[in-house]
Full PDB file with SEQRES, HELIX, SHEET, SSBOND, CRYST1, ORIGX, SCALE, CONECT and MASTER records, all heavy atoms in Angstrom:
SEQRES   1 A   30  GLY LEU ALA ASP ARG VAL LEU ALA ASP PRO THR ALA ALA          
SEQRES   2 A   30  GLU LEU ALA PRO ARG TYR ARG PHE ALA ALA ARG LEU VAL          
SEQRES   3 A   30  THR THR GLY ARG                                              
HELIX    1 AA1 LEU A    2  LEU A    7  1                                   6    
HELIX    2 AA2 THR A   11  LEU A   15  1                                   5    
HELIX    3 AA3 ALA A   16  TYR A   19  5                                   4    
CRYST1    1.000    1.000    1.000  90.00  90.00  90.00 P 1           1          
ORIGX1      1.000000  0.000000  0.000000        0.00000                         
ORIGX2      0.000000  1.000000  0.000000        0.00000                         
ORIGX3      0.000000  0.000000  1.000000        0.00000                         
SCALE1      1.000000  0.000000  0.000000        0.00000                         
SCALE2      0.000000  1.000000  0.000000        0.00000                         
SCALE3      0.000000  0.000000  1.000000        0.00000                         
ATOM      1  N   GLY A   1      10.134  11.075   5.159  1.00  0.00           N  
ATOM      2  CA  GLY A   1      10.019  12.044   4.089  1.00  0.00           C  
ATOM      3  C   GLY A   1      10.454  11.560   2.771  1.00  0.00           C  
ATOM      4  O   GLY A   1       9.836  11.822   1.736  1.00  0.00           O  
ATOM      5  N   LEU A   2      11.558  10.831   2.755  1.00  0.00           N  
ATOM      6  CA  LEU A   2      12.060  10.239   1.495  1.00  0.00           C  
ATOM      7  C   LEU A   2      11.096   9.212   0.954  1.00  0.00           C  
ATOM      8  O   LEU A   2      10.860   9.175  -0.263  1.00  0.00           O  
ATOM      9  CB  LEU A   2      13.444   9.629   1.733  1.00  0.00           C  
ATOM     10  CG  LEU A   2      14.555  10.589   2.129  1.00  0.00           C  
ATOM     11  CD1 LEU A   2      15.869   9.791   2.447  1.00  0.00           C  
ATOM     12  CD2 LEU A   2      14.821  11.654   1.052  1.00  0.00           C  
ATOM     13  N   ALA A   3      10.540   8.451   1.819  1.00  0.00           N  
ATOM     14  CA  ALA A   3       9.548   7.425   1.390  1.00  0.00           C  
ATOM     15  C   ALA A   3       8.299   8.063   0.775  1.00  0.00           C  
ATOM     16  O   ALA A   3       7.737   7.600  -0.231  1.00  0.00           O  
ATOM     17  CB  ALA A   3       9.119   6.527   2.554  1.00  0.00           C  
ATOM     18  N   ASP A   4       7.889   9.204   1.399  1.00  0.00           N  
ATOM     19  CA  ASP A   4       6.762   9.967   0.778  1.00  0.00           C  
ATOM     20  C   ASP A   4       7.104  10.390  -0.624  1.00  0.00           C  
ATOM     21  O   ASP A   4       6.218  10.298  -1.527  1.00  0.00           O  
ATOM     22  CB  ASP A   4       6.478  11.168   1.665  1.00  0.00           C  
ATOM     23  CG  ASP A   4       5.438  10.887   2.807  1.00  0.00           C  
ATOM     24  OD1 ASP A   4       4.530  10.135   2.512  1.00  0.00           O  
ATOM     25  OD2 ASP A   4       5.640  11.431   3.868  1.00  0.00           O  
ATOM     26  N   ARG A   5       8.315  10.883  -0.816  1.00  0.00           N  
ATOM     27  CA  ARG A   5       8.729  11.272  -2.191  1.00  0.00           C  
ATOM     28  C   ARG A   5       8.733  10.134  -3.197  1.00  0.00           C  
ATOM     29  O   ARG A   5       8.221  10.280  -4.306  1.00  0.00           O  
ATOM     30  CB  ARG A   5      10.127  11.869  -2.123  1.00  0.00           C  
ATOM     31  CG  ARG A   5      10.207  13.262  -1.606  1.00  0.00           C  
ATOM     32  CD  ARG A   5      11.637  13.736  -1.470  1.00  0.00           C  
ATOM     33  NE  ARG A   5      12.444  13.448  -2.621  1.00  0.00           N  
ATOM     34  CZ  ARG A   5      13.815  13.567  -2.687  1.00  0.00           C  
ATOM     35  NH1 ARG A   5      14.455  13.887  -1.552  1.00  0.00           N  
ATOM     36  NH2 ARG A   5      14.453  13.320  -3.787  1.00  0.00           N  
ATOM     37  N   VAL A   6       9.153   9.010  -2.761  1.00  0.00           N  
ATOM     38  CA  VAL A   6       9.187   7.872  -3.671  1.00  0.00           C  
ATOM     39  C   VAL A   6       7.770   7.400  -4.060  1.00  0.00           C  
ATOM     40  O   VAL A   6       7.479   7.154  -5.210  1.00  0.00           O  
ATOM     41  CB  VAL A   6       9.936   6.651  -2.980  1.00  0.00           C  
ATOM     42  CG1 VAL A   6       9.827   5.371  -3.855  1.00  0.00           C  
ATOM     43  CG2 VAL A   6      11.398   7.042  -2.789  1.00  0.00           C  
ATOM     44  N   LEU A   7       6.873   7.351  -3.079  1.00  0.00           N  
ATOM     45  CA  LEU A   7       5.500   6.943  -3.312  1.00  0.00           C  
ATOM     46  C   LEU A   7       4.720   7.913  -4.179  1.00  0.00           C  
ATOM     47  O   LEU A   7       3.742   7.545  -4.789  1.00  0.00           O  
ATOM     48  CB  LEU A   7       4.803   6.675  -1.992  1.00  0.00           C  
ATOM     49  CG  LEU A   7       5.283   5.464  -1.189  1.00  0.00           C  
ATOM     50  CD1 LEU A   7       4.534   5.400   0.129  1.00  0.00           C  
ATOM     51  CD2 LEU A   7       5.044   4.181  -1.991  1.00  0.00           C  
ATOM     52  N   ALA A   8       5.136   9.229  -4.158  1.00  0.00           N  
ATOM     53  CA  ALA A   8       4.483  10.227  -4.961  1.00  0.00           C  
ATOM     54  C   ALA A   8       4.849  10.139  -6.449  1.00  0.00           C  
ATOM     55  O   ALA A   8       4.172  10.751  -7.326  1.00  0.00           O  
ATOM     56  CB  ALA A   8       4.825  11.600  -4.430  1.00  0.00           C  
ATOM     57  N   ASP A   9       5.870   9.383  -6.775  1.00  0.00           N  
ATOM     58  CA  ASP A   9       6.339   9.246  -8.173  1.00  0.00           C  
ATOM     59  C   ASP A   9       5.422   8.242  -8.901  1.00  0.00           C  
ATOM     60  O   ASP A   9       5.328   7.087  -8.478  1.00  0.00           O  
ATOM     61  CB  ASP A   9       7.792   8.720  -8.177  1.00  0.00           C  
ATOM     62  CG  ASP A   9       8.349   8.602  -9.556  1.00  0.00           C  
ATOM     63  OD1 ASP A   9       7.649   8.681 -10.572  1.00  0.00           O  
ATOM     64  OD2 ASP A   9       9.601   8.424  -9.687  1.00  0.00           O  
ATOM     65  N   PRO A  10       4.727   8.640  -9.988  1.00  0.00           N  
ATOM     66  CA  PRO A  10       3.812   7.727 -10.650  1.00  0.00           C  
ATOM     67  C   PRO A  10       4.431   6.780 -11.624  1.00  0.00           C  
ATOM     68  O   PRO A  10       3.735   6.028 -12.294  1.00  0.00           O  
ATOM     69  CB  PRO A  10       2.921   8.760 -11.431  1.00  0.00           C  
ATOM     70  CG  PRO A  10       3.873   9.849 -11.759  1.00  0.00           C  
ATOM     71  CD  PRO A  10       4.806   9.976 -10.585  1.00  0.00           C  
ATOM     72  N   THR A  11       5.770   6.764 -11.752  1.00  0.00           N  
ATOM     73  CA  THR A  11       6.442   6.008 -12.800  1.00  0.00           C  
ATOM     74  C   THR A  11       6.114   4.504 -12.752  1.00  0.00           C  
ATOM     75  O   THR A  11       5.867   3.903 -13.807  1.00  0.00           O  
ATOM     76  CB  THR A  11       7.982   6.202 -12.729  1.00  0.00           C  
ATOM     77  OG1 THR A  11       8.273   7.600 -12.770  1.00  0.00           O  
ATOM     78  CG2 THR A  11       8.616   5.501 -13.903  1.00  0.00           C  
ATOM     79  N   ALA A  12       6.095   3.935 -11.549  1.00  0.00           N  
ATOM     80  CA  ALA A  12       5.850   2.493 -11.491  1.00  0.00           C  
ATOM     81  C   ALA A  12       4.475   2.134 -12.047  1.00  0.00           C  
ATOM     82  O   ALA A  12       4.345   1.186 -12.818  1.00  0.00           O  
ATOM     83  CB  ALA A  12       5.969   2.041 -10.022  1.00  0.00           C  
ATOM     84  N   ALA A  13       3.456   2.887 -11.652  1.00  0.00           N  
ATOM     85  CA  ALA A  13       2.140   2.606 -12.145  1.00  0.00           C  
ATOM     86  C   ALA A  13       2.023   2.828 -13.666  1.00  0.00           C  
ATOM     87  O   ALA A  13       1.349   2.144 -14.386  1.00  0.00           O  
ATOM     88  CB  ALA A  13       1.079   3.471 -11.459  1.00  0.00           C  
ATOM     89  N   GLU A  14       2.746   3.839 -14.130  1.00  0.00           N  
ATOM     90  CA  GLU A  14       2.709   4.098 -15.609  1.00  0.00           C  
ATOM     91  C   GLU A  14       3.415   3.022 -16.420  1.00  0.00           C  
ATOM     92  O   GLU A  14       3.050   2.791 -17.545  1.00  0.00           O  
ATOM     93  CB  GLU A  14       3.451   5.500 -15.817  1.00  0.00           C  
ATOM     94  CG  GLU A  14       2.639   6.659 -15.298  1.00  0.00           C  
ATOM     95  CD  GLU A  14       3.458   7.975 -15.327  1.00  0.00           C  
ATOM     96  OE1 GLU A  14       4.626   7.932 -15.637  1.00  0.00           O  
ATOM     97  OE2 GLU A  14       2.855   9.009 -15.010  1.00  0.00           O  
ATOM     98  N   LEU A  15       4.411   2.364 -15.789  1.00  0.00           N  
ATOM     99  CA  LEU A  15       5.124   1.286 -16.518  1.00  0.00           C  
ATOM    100  C   LEU A  15       4.408  -0.031 -16.521  1.00  0.00           C  
ATOM    101  O   LEU A  15       4.732  -0.917 -17.321  1.00  0.00           O  
ATOM    102  CB  LEU A  15       6.509   1.135 -15.870  1.00  0.00           C  
ATOM    103  CG  LEU A  15       7.548   2.210 -16.201  1.00  0.00           C  
ATOM    104  CD1 LEU A  15       8.790   1.974 -15.356  1.00  0.00           C  
ATOM    105  CD2 LEU A  15       7.901   2.207 -17.672  1.00  0.00           C  
ATOM    106  N   ALA A  16       3.450  -0.208 -15.609  1.00  0.00           N  
ATOM    107  CA  ALA A  16       2.802  -1.512 -15.459  1.00  0.00           C  
ATOM    108  C   ALA A  16       2.239  -2.076 -16.754  1.00  0.00           C  
ATOM    109  O   ALA A  16       2.429  -3.301 -17.034  1.00  0.00           O  
ATOM    110  CB  ALA A  16       1.727  -1.413 -14.396  1.00  0.00           C  
ATOM    111  N   PRO A  17       1.553  -1.265 -17.570  1.00  0.00           N  
ATOM    112  CA  PRO A  17       1.056  -1.841 -18.842  1.00  0.00           C  
ATOM    113  C   PRO A  17       2.108  -2.439 -19.744  1.00  0.00           C  
ATOM    114  O   PRO A  17       1.813  -3.320 -20.534  1.00  0.00           O  
ATOM    115  CB  PRO A  17       0.303  -0.648 -19.519  1.00  0.00           C  
ATOM    116  CG  PRO A  17      -0.051   0.220 -18.351  1.00  0.00           C  
ATOM    117  CD  PRO A  17       1.075   0.113 -17.372  1.00  0.00           C  
ATOM    118  N   ARG A  18       3.344  -1.996 -19.615  1.00  0.00           N  
ATOM    119  CA  ARG A  18       4.410  -2.462 -20.428  1.00  0.00           C  
ATOM    120  C   ARG A  18       4.598  -4.030 -20.193  1.00  0.00           C  
ATOM    121  O   ARG A  18       5.036  -4.752 -21.136  1.00  0.00           O  
ATOM    122  CB  ARG A  18       5.700  -1.784 -20.060  1.00  0.00           C  
ATOM    123  CG  ARG A  18       6.962  -2.137 -20.819  1.00  0.00           C  
ATOM    124  CD  ARG A  18       8.181  -1.395 -20.265  1.00  0.00           C  
ATOM    125  NE  ARG A  18       9.372  -1.631 -21.091  1.00  0.00           N  
ATOM    126  CZ  ARG A  18       9.826  -0.822 -21.981  1.00  0.00           C  
ATOM    127  NH1 ARG A  18       9.179   0.289 -22.262  1.00  0.00           N  
ATOM    128  NH2 ARG A  18      10.917  -1.135 -22.679  1.00  0.00           N  
ATOM    129  N   TYR A  19       4.265  -4.485 -18.971  1.00  0.00           N  
ATOM    130  CA  TYR A  19       4.515  -5.886 -18.647  1.00  0.00           C  
ATOM    131  C   TYR A  19       3.254  -6.720 -18.531  1.00  0.00           C  
ATOM    132  O   TYR A  19       3.242  -7.796 -18.065  1.00  0.00           O  
ATOM    133  CB  TYR A  19       5.300  -5.917 -17.314  1.00  0.00           C  
ATOM    134  CG  TYR A  19       6.527  -5.062 -17.354  1.00  0.00           C  
ATOM    135  CD1 TYR A  19       6.584  -3.827 -16.659  1.00  0.00           C  
ATOM    136  CD2 TYR A  19       7.637  -5.426 -18.143  1.00  0.00           C  
ATOM    137  CE1 TYR A  19       7.711  -3.015 -16.752  1.00  0.00           C  
ATOM    138  CE2 TYR A  19       8.779  -4.605 -18.223  1.00  0.00           C  
ATOM    139  CZ  TYR A  19       8.784  -3.391 -17.529  1.00  0.00           C  
ATOM    140  OH  TYR A  19       9.878  -2.602 -17.581  1.00  0.00           O  
ATOM    141  N   ARG A  20       2.172  -6.161 -18.996  1.00  0.00           N  
ATOM    142  CA  ARG A  20       0.853  -6.793 -18.839  1.00  0.00           C  
ATOM    143  C   ARG A  20       0.821  -8.163 -19.466  1.00  0.00           C  
ATOM    144  O   ARG A  20       0.230  -9.152 -18.920  1.00  0.00           O  
ATOM    145  CB  ARG A  20      -0.263  -5.897 -19.485  1.00  0.00           C  
ATOM    146  CG  ARG A  20      -1.642  -6.509 -19.381  1.00  0.00           C  
ATOM    147  CD  ARG A  20      -2.672  -5.628 -19.992  1.00  0.00           C  
ATOM    148  NE  ARG A  20      -4.002  -6.186 -19.926  1.00  0.00           N  
ATOM    149  CZ  ARG A  20      -5.107  -5.693 -20.496  1.00  0.00           C  
ATOM    150  NH1 ARG A  20      -5.034  -4.553 -21.198  1.00  0.00           N  
ATOM    151  NH2 ARG A  20      -6.247  -6.251 -20.376  1.00  0.00           N  
ATOM    152  N   PHE A  21       1.496  -8.353 -20.616  1.00  0.00           N  
ATOM    153  CA  PHE A  21       1.394  -9.631 -21.318  1.00  0.00           C  
ATOM    154  C   PHE A  21       2.722 -10.403 -21.161  1.00  0.00           C  
ATOM    155  O   PHE A  21       2.908 -11.437 -21.925  1.00  0.00           O  
ATOM    156  CB  PHE A  21       1.095  -9.399 -22.804  1.00  0.00           C  
ATOM    157  CG  PHE A  21      -0.232  -8.702 -23.011  1.00  0.00           C  
ATOM    158  CD1 PHE A  21      -0.275  -7.390 -23.387  1.00  0.00           C  
ATOM    159  CD2 PHE A  21      -1.387  -9.386 -22.774  1.00  0.00           C  
ATOM    160  CE1 PHE A  21      -1.525  -6.745 -23.553  1.00  0.00           C  
ATOM    161  CE2 PHE A  21      -2.658  -8.760 -22.917  1.00  0.00           C  
ATOM    162  CZ  PHE A  21      -2.698  -7.417 -23.341  1.00  0.00           C  
ATOM    163  N   ALA A  22       3.497 -10.077 -20.204  1.00  0.00           N  
ATOM    164  CA  ALA A  22       4.724 -10.847 -19.995  1.00  0.00           C  
ATOM    165  C   ALA A  22       4.366 -12.278 -19.520  1.00  0.00           C  
ATOM    166  O   ALA A  22       3.450 -12.486 -18.716  1.00  0.00           O  
ATOM    167  CB  ALA A  22       5.609 -10.174 -18.919  1.00  0.00           C  
ATOM    168  N   ALA A  23       5.130 -13.244 -20.018  1.00  0.00           N  
ATOM    169  CA  ALA A  23       4.897 -14.666 -19.583  1.00  0.00           C  
ATOM    170  C   ALA A  23       5.709 -15.037 -18.387  1.00  0.00           C  
ATOM    171  O   ALA A  23       5.380 -15.908 -17.636  1.00  0.00           O  
ATOM    172  CB  ALA A  23       5.190 -15.604 -20.744  1.00  0.00           C  
ATOM    173  N   ARG A  24       6.854 -14.389 -18.239  1.00  0.00           N  
ATOM    174  CA  ARG A  24       7.700 -14.575 -17.095  1.00  0.00           C  
ATOM    175  C   ARG A  24       8.615 -13.366 -16.891  1.00  0.00           C  
ATOM    176  O   ARG A  24       8.735 -12.582 -17.833  1.00  0.00           O  
ATOM    177  CB  ARG A  24       8.549 -15.894 -17.239  1.00  0.00           C  
ATOM    178  CG  ARG A  24       9.458 -15.915 -18.408  1.00  0.00           C  
ATOM    179  CD  ARG A  24      10.106 -17.298 -18.561  1.00  0.00           C  
ATOM    180  NE  ARG A  24      11.070 -17.364 -19.622  1.00  0.00           N  
ATOM    181  CZ  ARG A  24      10.774 -17.516 -20.919  1.00  0.00           C  
ATOM    182  NH1 ARG A  24       9.519 -17.591 -21.263  1.00  0.00           N  
ATOM    183  NH2 ARG A  24      11.713 -17.561 -21.843  1.00  0.00           N  
ATOM    184  N   LEU A  25       9.264 -13.280 -15.800  1.00  0.00           N  
ATOM    185  CA  LEU A  25      10.075 -12.133 -15.495  1.00  0.00           C  
ATOM    186  C   LEU A  25      11.245 -12.557 -14.569  1.00  0.00           C  
ATOM    187  O   LEU A  25      11.134 -13.516 -13.781  1.00  0.00           O  
ATOM    188  CB  LEU A  25       9.194 -11.042 -14.859  1.00  0.00           C  
ATOM    189  CG  LEU A  25       9.851  -9.687 -14.501  1.00  0.00           C  
ATOM    190  CD1 LEU A  25       8.756  -8.593 -14.783  1.00  0.00           C  
ATOM    191  CD2 LEU A  25      10.344  -9.600 -13.105  1.00  0.00           C  
ATOM    192  N   VAL A  26      12.391 -11.832 -14.722  1.00  0.00           N  
ATOM    193  CA  VAL A  26      13.493 -12.101 -13.842  1.00  0.00           C  
ATOM    194  C   VAL A  26      13.798 -10.856 -12.995  1.00  0.00           C  
ATOM    195  O   VAL A  26      13.657  -9.723 -13.481  1.00  0.00           O  
ATOM    196  CB  VAL A  26      14.767 -12.376 -14.693  1.00  0.00           C  
ATOM    197  CG1 VAL A  26      16.061 -12.454 -13.816  1.00  0.00           C  
ATOM    198  CG2 VAL A  26      14.596 -13.761 -15.404  1.00  0.00           C  
ATOM    199  N   THR A  27      14.097 -11.026 -11.721  1.00  0.00           N  
ATOM    200  CA  THR A  27      14.562  -9.905 -10.852  1.00  0.00           C  
ATOM    201  C   THR A  27      15.983 -10.261 -10.375  1.00  0.00           C  
ATOM    202  O   THR A  27      16.315 -11.378 -10.180  1.00  0.00           O  
ATOM    203  CB  THR A  27      13.634  -9.705  -9.645  1.00  0.00           C  
ATOM    204  OG1 THR A  27      13.724 -10.879  -8.787  1.00  0.00           O  
ATOM    205  CG2 THR A  27      12.178  -9.560 -10.057  1.00  0.00           C  
ATOM    206  N   THR A  28      16.719  -9.135 -10.200  1.00  0.00           N  
ATOM    207  CA  THR A  28      18.130  -9.392  -9.782  1.00  0.00           C  
ATOM    208  C   THR A  28      18.673  -8.149  -9.032  1.00  0.00           C  
ATOM    209  O   THR A  28      18.212  -7.042  -9.184  1.00  0.00           O  
ATOM    210  CB  THR A  28      19.019  -9.631 -11.041  1.00  0.00           C  
ATOM    211  OG1 THR A  28      20.349  -9.902 -10.639  1.00  0.00           O  
ATOM    212  CG2 THR A  28      19.008  -8.454 -11.992  1.00  0.00           C  
ATOM    213  N   GLY A  29      19.623  -8.427  -8.171  1.00  0.00           N  
ATOM    214  CA  GLY A  29      20.289  -7.358  -7.375  1.00  0.00           C  
ATOM    215  C   GLY A  29      21.455  -7.992  -6.661  1.00  0.00           C  
ATOM    216  O   GLY A  29      21.614  -9.242  -6.603  1.00  0.00           O  
ATOM    217  N   ARG A  30      22.332  -7.162  -6.079  1.00  0.00           N  
ATOM    218  CA  ARG A  30      23.466  -7.666  -5.319  1.00  0.00           C  
ATOM    219  C   ARG A  30      23.544  -6.980  -3.988  1.00  0.00           C  
ATOM    220  O   ARG A  30      23.063  -5.833  -3.801  1.00  0.00           O  
ATOM    221  CB  ARG A  30      24.770  -7.494  -6.108  1.00  0.00           C  
ATOM    222  CG  ARG A  30      24.885  -8.349  -7.348  1.00  0.00           C  
ATOM    223  CD  ARG A  30      26.346  -8.535  -7.759  1.00  0.00           C  
ATOM    224  NE  ARG A  30      27.132  -9.331  -6.742  1.00  0.00           N  
ATOM    225  CZ  ARG A  30      28.405  -9.607  -6.895  1.00  0.00           C  
ATOM    226  NH1 ARG A  30      29.042  -9.213  -7.963  1.00  0.00           N  
ATOM    227  NH2 ARG A  30      29.032 -10.339  -5.969  1.00  0.00           N  
TER     228      ARG A  30                                                      
MASTER        0    0    0    3    0    0    0    6  227    1    0    3          
END                                                                             
C-alpha cells in the first residue's frame, strides 16, 4: 500500500525536464 502511494506521486516525472540538459550527475546516500 505504501508503494502504491509513492508511485501515485507525479513529482519525479514533473522534475525530469529540470535535468534534461545535464552533462553529468552525482548520487549519494549513507
